Amino acid sequence: MEYLGVDGEWHRYSPDFLIRRKDGKCLIVEIKRERERDDGIDGERGKKAVATRKWVGLNPDLLKYEMIFTPGEEVGFDQTLHPRSFIAGGE
């Protein structure tokens, strides 16, 4: 994916995980530290997230997007509920 940076240039971006099921549905997962939640590039409403949501909006029946914010280096098991549900066939 590409996003328009604060410098006015286009930048490439690869999410942390792309989970693709056999039925063709995909979940894009981005993991960030909690301290990055409000970041203008990497945050919840940052340029990368906005670009990803626009991409997902092109085909919302097949694409979903999830950002997981974690306080430290590890992602808690409870934070993976939605991705695990998606893998199991849920939305």
PDB file of N, CA and C in Angstrom:
ATOM      1  N   MET A   1       0.835  -1.169   0.000  1.00  0.00           N
ATOM      2  CA  MET A   1       0.000   0.000   0.000  1.00  0.00           C
ATOM      3  C   MET A   1       0.882   1.235   0.000  1.00  0.00           C
ATOM      4  N   GLU A   2       0.288   2.321  -0.387  1.00  0.00           N
ATOM      5  CA  GLU A   2       1.003   3.591  -0.358  1.00  0.00           C
ATOM      6  C   GLU A   2       0.172   4.625   0.401  1.00  0.00           C
ATOM      7  N   TYR A   3       0.878   5.554   1.015  1.00  0.00           N
ATOM      8  CA  TYR A   3       0.210   6.662   1.691  1.00  0.00           C
ATOM      9  C   TYR A   3       1.002   7.933   1.417  1.00  0.00           C
ATOM     10  N   LEU A   4       0.309   9.044   1.464  1.00  0.00           N
ATOM     11  CA  LEU A   4       0.934  10.340   1.241  1.00  0.00           C
ATOM     12  C   LEU A   4       1.476  10.845   2.567  1.00  0.00           C
ATOM     13  N   GLY A   5       2.787  10.973   2.659  1.00  0.00           N
ATOM     14  CA  GLY A   5       3.433  11.390   3.899  1.00  0.00           C
ATOM     15  C   GLY A   5       3.294  12.878   4.164  1.00  0.00           C
ATOM     16  N   VAL A   6       3.684  13.275   5.358  1.00  0.00           N
ATOM     17  CA  VAL A   6       3.629  14.691   5.723  1.00  0.00           C
ATOM     18  C   VAL A   6       4.606  15.513   4.886  1.00  0.00           C
ATOM     19  N   ASP A   7       5.551  14.831   4.262  1.00  0.00           N
ATOM     20  CA  ASP A   7       6.516  15.510   3.398  1.00  0.00           C
ATOM     21  C   ASP A   7       5.986  15.709   1.977  1.00  0.00           C
ATOM     22  N   GLY A   8       4.741  15.263   1.733  1.00  0.00           N
ATOM     23  CA  GLY A   8       4.146  15.410   0.411  1.00  0.00           C
ATOM     24  C   GLY A   8       4.556  14.329  -0.574  1.00  0.00           C
ATOM     25  N   GLU A   9       5.352  13.382  -0.124  1.00  0.00           N
ATOM     26  CA  GLU A   9       5.820  12.281  -0.970  1.00  0.00           C
ATOM     27  C   GLU A   9       5.005  11.022  -0.677  1.00  0.00           C
ATOM     28  N   TRP A  10       4.926  10.144  -1.680  1.00  0.00           N
ATOM     29  CA  TRP A  10       4.269   8.856  -1.493  1.00  0.00           C
ATOM     30  C   TRP A  10       5.253   7.871  -0.884  1.00  0.00           C
ATOM     31  N   HIS A  11       4.775   7.096   0.085  1.00  0.00           N
ATOM     32  CA  HIS A  11       5.596   6.106   0.781  1.00  0.00           C
ATOM     33  C   HIS A  11       4.908   4.752   0.727  1.00  0.00           C
ATOM     34  N   ARG A  12       5.709   3.708   0.626  1.00  0.00           N
ATOM     35  CA  ARG A  12       5.170   2.347   0.652  1.00  0.00           C
ATOM     36  C   ARG A  12       5.007   1.895   2.097  1.00  0.00           C
ATOM     37  N   TYR A  13       4.000   1.071   2.282  1.00  0.00           N
ATOM     38  CA  TYR A  13       3.677   0.576   3.615  1.00  0.00           C
ATOM     39  C   TYR A  13       3.208  -0.867   3.513  1.00  0.00           C
ATOM     40  N   SER A  14       3.739  -1.713   4.368  1.00  0.00           N
ATOM     41  CA  SER A  14       3.295  -3.110   4.456  1.00  0.00           C
ATOM     42  C   SER A  14       2.779  -3.362   5.863  1.00  0.00           C
ATOM     43  N   PRO A  15       1.552  -3.838   6.001  1.00  0.00           N
ATOM     44  CA  PRO A  15       1.024  -4.112   7.341  1.00  0.00           C
ATOM     45  C   PRO A  15       1.773  -5.274   7.988  1.00  0.00           C
ATOM     46  N   ASP A  16       1.604  -5.396   9.294  1.00  0.00           N
ATOM     47  CA  ASP A  16       2.290  -6.465  10.023  1.00  0.00           C
ATOM     48  C   ASP A  16       1.815  -7.848   9.590  1.00  0.00           C
ATOM     49  N   PHE A  17       0.508  -8.001   9.428  1.00  0.00           N
ATOM     50  CA  PHE A  17      -0.044  -9.298   9.050  1.00  0.00           C
ATOM     51  C   PHE A  17      -1.167  -9.124   8.040  1.00  0.00           C
ATOM     52  N   LEU A  18      -1.232 -10.045   7.112  1.00  0.00           N
ATOM     53  CA  LEU A  18      -2.358 -10.150   6.196  1.00  0.00           C
ATOM     54  C   LEU A  18      -2.831 -11.598   6.285  1.00  0.00           C
ATOM     55  N   ILE A  19      -4.003 -11.780   6.849  1.00  0.00           N
ATOM     56  CA  ILE A  19      -4.558 -13.120   7.031  1.00  0.00           C
ATOM     57  C   ILE A  19      -5.577 -13.346   5.922  1.00  0.00           C
ATOM     58  N   ARG A  20      -5.336 -14.342   5.104  1.00  0.00           N
ATOM     59  CA  ARG A  20      -6.240 -14.639   3.990  1.00  0.00           C
ATOM     60  C   ARG A  20      -6.846 -16.014   4.198  1.00  0.00           C
ATOM     61  N   ARG A  21      -8.169 -16.041   4.234  1.00  0.00           N
ATOM     62  CA  ARG A  21      -8.874 -17.310   4.406  1.00  0.00           C
ATOM     63  C   ARG A  21      -9.119 -17.970   3.054  1.00  0.00           C
ATOM     64  N   LYS A  22      -9.487 -19.234   3.096  1.00  0.00           N
ATOM     65  CA  LYS A  22      -9.765 -19.975   1.867  1.00  0.00           C
ATOM     66  C   LYS A  22     -10.937 -19.393   1.094  1.00  0.00           C
ATOM     67  N   ASP A  23     -11.856 -18.719   1.783  1.00  0.00           N
ATOM     68  CA  ASP A  23     -13.005 -18.133   1.087  1.00  0.00           C
ATOM     69  C   ASP A  23     -12.665 -16.789   0.434  1.00  0.00           C
ATOM     70  N   GLY A  24     -11.400 -16.374   0.524  1.00  0.00           N
ATOM     71  CA  GLY A  24     -10.950 -15.150  -0.125  1.00  0.00           C
ATOM     72  C   GLY A  24     -11.010 -13.906   0.745  1.00  0.00           C
ATOM     73  N   LYS A  25     -11.648 -13.993   1.904  1.00  0.00           N
ATOM     74  CA  LYS A  25     -11.708 -12.834   2.794  1.00  0.00           C
ATOM     75  C   LYS A  25     -10.351 -12.628   3.460  1.00  0.00           C
ATOM     76  N   CYS A  26     -10.005 -11.350   3.663  1.00  0.00           N
ATOM     77  CA  CYS A  26      -8.704 -11.007   4.230  1.00  0.00           C
ATOM     78  C   CYS A  26      -8.866 -10.077   5.422  1.00  0.00           C
ATOM     79  N   LEU A  27      -8.013 -10.269   6.398  1.00  0.00           N
ATOM     80  CA  LEU A  27      -7.938  -9.375   7.546  1.00  0.00           C
ATOM     81  C   LEU A  27      -6.537  -8.789   7.588  1.00  0.00           C
ATOM     82  N   ILE A  28      -6.469  -7.478   7.554  1.00  0.00           N
ATOM     83  CA  ILE A  28      -5.200  -6.758   7.667  1.00  0.00           C
ATOM     84  C   ILE A  28      -5.033  -6.405   9.138  1.00  0.00           C
ATOM     85  N   VAL A  29      -3.912  -6.815   9.725  1.00  0.00           N
ATOM     86  CA  VAL A  29      -3.677  -6.570  11.146  1.00  0.00           C
ATOM     87  C   VAL A  29      -2.407  -5.746  11.311  1.00  0.00           C
ATOM     88  N   GLU A  30      -2.538  -4.680  12.059  1.00  0.00           N
ATOM     89  CA  GLU A  30      -1.404  -3.812  12.373  1.00  0.00           C
ATOM     90  C   GLU A  30      -1.273  -3.767  13.895  1.00  0.00           C
ATOM     91  N   ILE A  31      -0.072  -4.002  14.387  1.00  0.00           N
ATOM     92  CA  ILE A  31       0.181  -3.991  15.823  1.00  0.00           C
ATOM     93  C   ILE A  31       1.080  -2.803  16.142  1.00  0.00           C
ATOM     94  N   LYS A  32       0.635  -2.009  17.093  1.00  0.00           N
ATOM     95  CA  LYS A  32       1.383  -0.819  17.499  1.00  0.00           C
ATOM     96  C   LYS A  32       1.427  -0.736  19.015  1.00  0.00           C
ATOM     97  N   ARG A  33       2.419  -0.042  19.499  1.00  0.00           N
ATOM     98  CA  ARG A  33       2.471   0.240  20.932  1.00  0.00           C
ATOM     99  C   ARG A  33       1.441   1.309  21.270  1.00  0.00           C
ATOM    100  N   GLU A  34       0.934   1.229  22.460  1.00  0.00           N
ATOM    101  CA  GLU A  34      -0.083   2.178  22.910  1.00  0.00           C
ATOM    102  C   GLU A  34       0.396   3.621  22.762  1.00  0.00           C
ATOM    103  N   ARG A  35       1.660   3.862  22.978  1.00  0.00           N
ATOM    104  CA  ARG A  35       2.192   5.228  22.890  1.00  0.00           C
ATOM    105  C   ARG A  35       2.117   5.794  21.470  1.00  0.00           C
ATOM    106  N   GLU A  36       1.882   4.933  20.475  1.00  0.00           N
ATOM    107  CA  GLU A  36       1.784   5.376  19.083  1.00  0.00           C
ATOM    108  C   GLU A  36       0.344   5.636  18.638  1.00  0.00           C
ATOM    109  N   ARG A  37      -0.608   5.450  19.525  1.00  0.00           N
ATOM    110  CA  ARG A  37      -2.025   5.562  19.165  1.00  0.00           C
ATOM    111  C   ARG A  37      -2.361   6.894  18.499  1.00  0.00           C
ATOM    112  N   ASP A  38      -1.780   7.986  18.960  1.00  0.00           N
ATOM    113  CA  ASP A  38      -2.095   9.307  18.415  1.00  0.00           C
ATOM    114  C   ASP A  38      -1.066   9.811  17.405  1.00  0.00           C
ATOM    115  N   ASP A  39      -0.161   8.957  16.981  1.00  0.00           N
ATOM    116  CA  ASP A  39       0.874   9.355  16.025  1.00  0.00           C
ATOM    117  C   ASP A  39       0.249   9.708  14.671  1.00  0.00           C
ATOM    118  N   GLY A  40       0.737  10.757  14.054  1.00  0.00           N
ATOM    119  CA  GLY A  40       0.189  11.229  12.785  1.00  0.00           C
ATOM    120  C   GLY A  40       0.433  10.314  11.599  1.00  0.00           C
ATOM    121  N   ILE A  41       1.409   9.444  11.703  1.00  0.00           N
ATOM    122  CA  ILE A  41       1.694   8.486  10.627  1.00  0.00           C
ATOM    123  C   ILE A  41       1.208   7.089  11.014  1.00  0.00           C
ATOM    124  N   ASP A  42       1.644   6.605  12.176  1.00  0.00           N
ATOM    125  CA  ASP A  42       1.382   5.224  12.578  1.00  0.00           C
ATOM    126  C   ASP A  42       0.172   5.034  13.479  1.00  0.00           C
ATOM    127  N   GLY A  43      -0.451   6.095  13.921  1.00  0.00           N
ATOM    128  CA  GLY A  43      -1.529   6.002  14.894  1.00  0.00           C
ATOM    129  C   GLY A  43      -2.864   5.543  14.336  1.00  0.00           C
ATOM    130  N   GLU A  44      -3.818   5.499  15.232  1.00  0.00           N
ATOM    131  CA  GLU A  44      -5.163   5.025  14.912  1.00  0.00           C
ATOM    132  C   GLU A  44      -5.821   5.832  13.788  1.00  0.00           C
ATOM    133  N   ARG A  45      -5.530   7.117  13.754  1.00  0.00           N
ATOM    134  CA  ARG A  45      -6.043   7.982  12.690  1.00  0.00           C
ATOM    135  C   ARG A  45      -4.905   8.557  11.847  1.00  0.00           C
ATOM    136  N   GLY A  46      -3.768   7.874  11.892  1.00  0.00           N
ATOM    137  CA  GLY A  46      -2.597   8.316  11.141  1.00  0.00           C
ATOM    138  C   GLY A  46      -2.734   8.034   9.650  1.00  0.00           C
ATOM    139  N   LYS A  47      -1.789   8.518   8.906  1.00  0.00           N
ATOM    140  CA  LYS A  47      -1.835   8.417   7.443  1.00  0.00           C
ATOM    141  C   LYS A  47      -1.870   6.974   6.940  1.00  0.00           C
ATOM    142  N   LYS A  48      -1.138   6.075   7.595  1.00  0.00           N
ATOM    143  CA  LYS A  48      -1.151   4.667   7.170  1.00  0.00           C
ATOM    144  C   LYS A  48      -2.528   4.042   7.398  1.00  0.00           C
ATOM    145  N   ALA A  49      -3.115   4.318   8.553  1.00  0.00           N
ATOM    146  CA  ALA A  49      -4.433   3.758   8.868  1.00  0.00           C
ATOM    147  C   ALA A  49      -5.496   4.314   7.925  1.00  0.00           C
ATOM    148  N   VAL A  50      -5.421   5.601   7.642  1.00  0.00           N
ATOM    149  CA  VAL A  50      -6.386   6.213   6.724  1.00  0.00           C
ATOM    150  C   VAL A  50      -6.271   5.580   5.337  1.00  0.00           C
ATOM    151  N   ALA A  51      -5.050   5.409   4.859  1.00  0.00           N
ATOM    152  CA  ALA A  51      -4.840   4.795   3.543  1.00  0.00           C
ATOM    153  C   ALA A  51      -5.351   3.352   3.530  1.00  0.00           C
ATOM    154  N   THR A  52      -5.108   2.627   4.609  1.00  0.00           N
ATOM    155  CA  THR A  52      -5.560   1.236   4.680  1.00  0.00           C
ATOM    156  C   THR A  52      -7.078   1.165   4.702  1.00  0.00           C
ATOM    157  N   ARG A  53      -7.712   2.037   5.469  1.00  0.00           N
ATOM    158  CA  ARG A  53      -9.179   2.042   5.524  1.00  0.00           C
ATOM    159  C   ARG A  53      -9.788   2.394   4.165  1.00  0.00           C
ATOM    160  N   LYS A  54      -9.147   3.279   3.435  1.00  0.00           N
ATOM    161  CA  LYS A  54      -9.637   3.598   2.083  1.00  0.00           C
ATOM    162  C   LYS A  54      -9.530   2.371   1.186  1.00  0.00           C
ATOM    163  N   TRP A  55      -8.440   1.649   1.302  1.00  0.00           N
ATOM    164  CA  TRP A  55      -8.227   0.444   0.510  1.00  0.00           C
ATOM    165  C   TRP A  55      -9.279  -0.600   0.864  1.00  0.00           C
ATOM    166  N   VAL A  56      -9.525  -0.777   2.163  1.00  0.00           N
ATOM    167  CA  VAL A  56     -10.546  -1.720   2.625  1.00  0.00           C
ATOM    168  C   VAL A  56     -11.921  -1.300   2.107  1.00  0.00           C
ATOM    169  N   GLY A  57     -12.164   0.005   2.061  1.00  0.00           N
ATOM    170  CA  GLY A  57     -13.442   0.512   1.583  1.00  0.00           C
ATOM    171  C   GLY A  57     -13.739   0.182   0.130  1.00  0.00           C
ATOM    172  N   LEU A  58     -12.717  -0.149  -0.631  1.00  0.00           N
ATOM    173  CA  LEU A  58     -12.927  -0.531  -2.028  1.00  0.00           C
ATOM    174  C   LEU A  58     -13.617  -1.883  -2.156  1.00  0.00           C
ATOM    175  N   ASN A  59     -13.452  -2.737  -1.153  1.00  0.00           N
ATOM    176  CA  ASN A  59     -14.074  -4.058  -1.181  1.00  0.00           C
ATOM    177  C   ASN A  59     -14.345  -4.526   0.252  1.00  0.00           C
ATOM    178  N   PRO A  60     -15.285  -3.881   0.931  1.00  0.00           N
ATOM    179  CA  PRO A  60     -15.523  -4.201   2.340  1.00  0.00           C
ATOM    180  C   PRO A  60     -16.066  -5.607   2.594  1.00  0.00           C
ATOM    181  N   ASP A  61     -16.592  -6.256   1.565  1.00  0.00           N
ATOM    182  CA  ASP A  61     -17.071  -7.626   1.751  1.00  0.00           C
ATOM    183  C   ASP A  61     -15.923  -8.616   1.900  1.00  0.00           C
ATOM    184  N   LEU A  62     -14.773  -8.281   1.319  1.00  0.00           N
ATOM    185  CA  LEU A  62     -13.627  -9.193   1.373  1.00  0.00           C
ATOM    186  C   LEU A  62     -12.508  -8.725   2.292  1.00  0.00           C
ATOM    187  N   LEU A  63     -12.445  -7.435   2.575  1.00  0.00           N
ATOM    188  CA  LEU A  63     -11.331  -6.897   3.353  1.00  0.00           C
ATOM    189  C   LEU A  63     -11.801  -6.330   4.687  1.00  0.00           C
ATOM    190  N   LYS A  64     -11.042  -6.614   5.722  1.00  0.00           N
ATOM    191  CA  LYS A  64     -11.273  -6.057   7.056  1.00  0.00           C
ATOM    192  C   LYS A  64      -9.931  -5.557   7.582  1.00  0.00           C
ATOM    193  N   TYR A  65      -9.989  -4.629   8.535  1.00  0.00           N
ATOM    194  CA  TYR A  65      -8.775  -4.021   9.074  1.00  0.00           C
ATOM    195  C   TYR A  65      -8.872  -3.946  10.582  1.00  0.00           C
ATOM    196  N   GLU A  66      -7.793  -4.292  11.243  1.00  0.00           N
ATOM    197  CA  GLU A  66      -7.756  -4.279  12.703  1.00  0.00           C
ATOM    198  C   GLU A  66      -6.426  -3.706  13.165  1.00  0.00           C
ATOM    199  N   MET A  67      -6.494  -2.760  14.076  1.00  0.00           N
ATOM    200  CA  MET A  67      -5.287  -2.253  14.732  1.00  0.00           C
ATOM    201  C   MET A  67      -5.318  -2.740  16.170  1.00  0.00           C
ATOM    202  N   ILE A  68      -4.203  -3.287  16.608  1.00  0.00           N
ATOM    203  CA  ILE A  68      -4.075  -3.757  17.984  1.00  0.00           C
ATOM    204  C   ILE A  68      -3.008  -2.901  18.655  1.00  0.00           C
ATOM    205  N   PHE A  69      -3.393  -2.255  19.751  1.00  0.00           N
ATOM    206  CA  PHE A  69      -2.448  -1.438  20.507  1.00  0.00           C
ATOM    207  C   PHE A  69      -2.077  -2.180  21.781  1.00  0.00           C
ATOM    208  N   THR A  70      -0.793  -2.262  22.036  1.00  0.00           N
ATOM    209  CA  THR A  70      -0.297  -3.020  23.172  1.00  0.00           C
ATOM    210  C   THR A  70       0.616  -2.140  24.028  1.00  0.00           C
ATOM    211  N   PRO A  71       0.563  -2.311  25.345  1.00  0.00           N
ATOM    212  CA  PRO A  71       1.377  -1.459  26.212  1.00  0.00           C
ATOM    213  C   PRO A  71       2.874  -1.769  26.165  1.00  0.00           C
ATOM    214  N   GLY A  72       3.240  -2.952  25.738  1.00  0.00           N
ATOM    215  CA  GLY A  72       4.654  -3.329  25.750  1.00  0.00           C
ATOM    216  C   GLY A  72       5.056  -4.074  24.496  1.00  0.00           C
ATOM    217  N   GLU A  73       6.018  -4.948  24.661  1.00  0.00           N
ATOM    218  CA  GLU A  73       6.569  -5.714  23.543  1.00  0.00           C
ATOM    219  C   GLU A  73       5.672  -6.861  23.095  1.00  0.00           C
ATOM    220  N   GLU A  74       4.780  -7.299  23.963  1.00  0.00           N
ATOM    221  CA  GLU A  74       3.986  -8.488  23.674  1.00  0.00           C
ATOM    222  C   GLU A  74       2.520  -8.141  23.452  1.00  0.00           C
ATOM    223  N   VAL A  75       1.884  -8.940  22.623  1.00  0.00           N
ATOM    224  CA  VAL A  75       0.446  -8.817  22.401  1.00  0.00           C
ATOM    225  C   VAL A  75      -0.233  -9.851  23.281  1.00  0.00           C
ATOM    226  N   GLY A  76      -1.168  -9.399  24.091  1.00  0.00           N
ATOM    227  CA  GLY A  76      -1.875 -10.313  24.979  1.00  0.00           C
ATOM    228  C   GLY A  76      -2.825 -11.221  24.213  1.00  0.00           C
ATOM    229  N   PHE A  77      -3.013 -12.418  24.735  1.00  0.00           N
ATOM    230  CA  PHE A  77      -3.902 -13.390  24.099  1.00  0.00           C
ATOM    231  C   PHE A  77      -5.294 -12.804  23.895  1.00  0.00           C
ATOM    232  N   ASP A  78      -5.780 -12.066  24.885  1.00  0.00           N
ATOM    233  CA  ASP A  78      -7.113 -11.472  24.788  1.00  0.00           C
ATOM    234  C   ASP A  78      -7.198 -10.424  23.678  1.00  0.00           C
ATOM    235  N   GLN A  79      -6.072  -9.852  23.298  1.00  0.00           N
ATOM    236  CA  GLN A  79      -6.065  -8.855  22.229  1.00  0.00           C
ATOM    237  C   GLN A  79      -6.194  -9.487  20.844  1.00  0.00           C
ATOM    238  N   THR A  80      -6.055 -10.786  20.770  1.00  0.00           N
ATOM    239  CA  THR A  80      -6.124 -11.476  19.478  1.00  0.00           C
ATOM    240  C   THR A  80      -7.482 -12.130  19.235  1.00  0.00           C
ATOM    241  N   LEU A  81      -8.470 -11.787  20.036  1.00  0.00           N
ATOM    242  CA  LEU A  81      -9.789 -12.407  19.909  1.00  0.00           C
ATOM    243  C   LEU A  81     -10.375 -12.224  18.510  1.00  0.00           C
ATOM    244  N   HIS A  82     -10.375 -11.003  17.997  1.00  0.00           N
ATOM    245  CA  HIS A  82     -10.961 -10.768  16.675  1.00  0.00           C
ATOM    246  C   HIS A  82     -10.194 -11.497  15.569  1.00  0.00           C
ATOM    247  N   PRO A  83      -8.865 -11.399  15.508  1.00  0.00           N
ATOM    248  CA  PRO A  83      -8.158 -12.170  14.467  1.00  0.00           C
ATOM    249  C   PRO A  83      -8.397 -13.676  14.568  1.00  0.00           C
ATOM    250  N   ARG A  84      -8.436 -14.213  15.786  1.00  0.00           N
ATOM    251  CA  ARG A  84      -8.687 -15.647  15.937  1.00  0.00           C
ATOM    252  C   ARG A  84     -10.094 -16.006  15.481  1.00  0.00           C
ATOM    253  N   SER A  85     -11.055 -15.151  15.794  1.00  0.00           N
ATOM    254  CA  SER A  85     -12.431 -15.375  15.353  1.00  0.00           C
ATOM    255  C   SER A  85     -12.521 -15.316  13.828  1.00  0.00           C
ATOM    256  N   PHE A  86     -11.818 -14.367  13.236  1.00  0.00           N
ATOM    257  CA  PHE A  86     -11.797 -14.236  11.777  1.00  0.00           C
ATOM    258  C   PHE A  86     -11.236 -15.504  11.135  1.00  0.00           C
ATOM    259  N   ILE A  87     -10.138 -15.998  11.668  1.00  0.00           N
ATOM    260  CA  ILE A  87      -9.517 -17.215  11.134  1.00  0.00           C
ATOM    261  C   ILE A  87     -10.484 -18.390  11.213  1.00  0.00           C
ATOM    262  N   ALA A  88     -11.256 -18.428  12.293  1.00  0.00           N
ATOM    263  CA  ALA A  88     -12.207 -19.525  12.495  1.00  0.00           C
ATOM    264  C   ALA A  88     -13.447 -19.407  11.610  1.00  0.00           C
ATOM    265  N   GLY A  89     -13.545 -18.318  10.860  1.00  0.00           N
ATOM    266  CA  GLY A  89     -14.674 -18.173   9.946  1.00  0.00           C
ATOM    267  C   GLY A  89     -15.650 -17.077  10.309  1.00  0.00           C
ATOM    268  N   GLY A  90     -15.389 -16.373  11.399  1.00  0.00           N
ATOM    269  CA  GLY A  90     -16.262 -15.264  11.790  1.00  0.00           C
ATOM    270  C   GLY A  90     -15.890 -13.997  11.051  1.00  0.00           C
ATOM    271  N   GLU A  91     -16.613 -12.962  11.316  1.00  0.00           N
ATOM    272  CA  GLU A  91     -16.336 -11.667  10.692  1.00  0.00           C
ATOM    273  C   GLU A  91     -15.438 -10.898  11.612  1.00  0.00           C
TER     274      GLU A  91
END
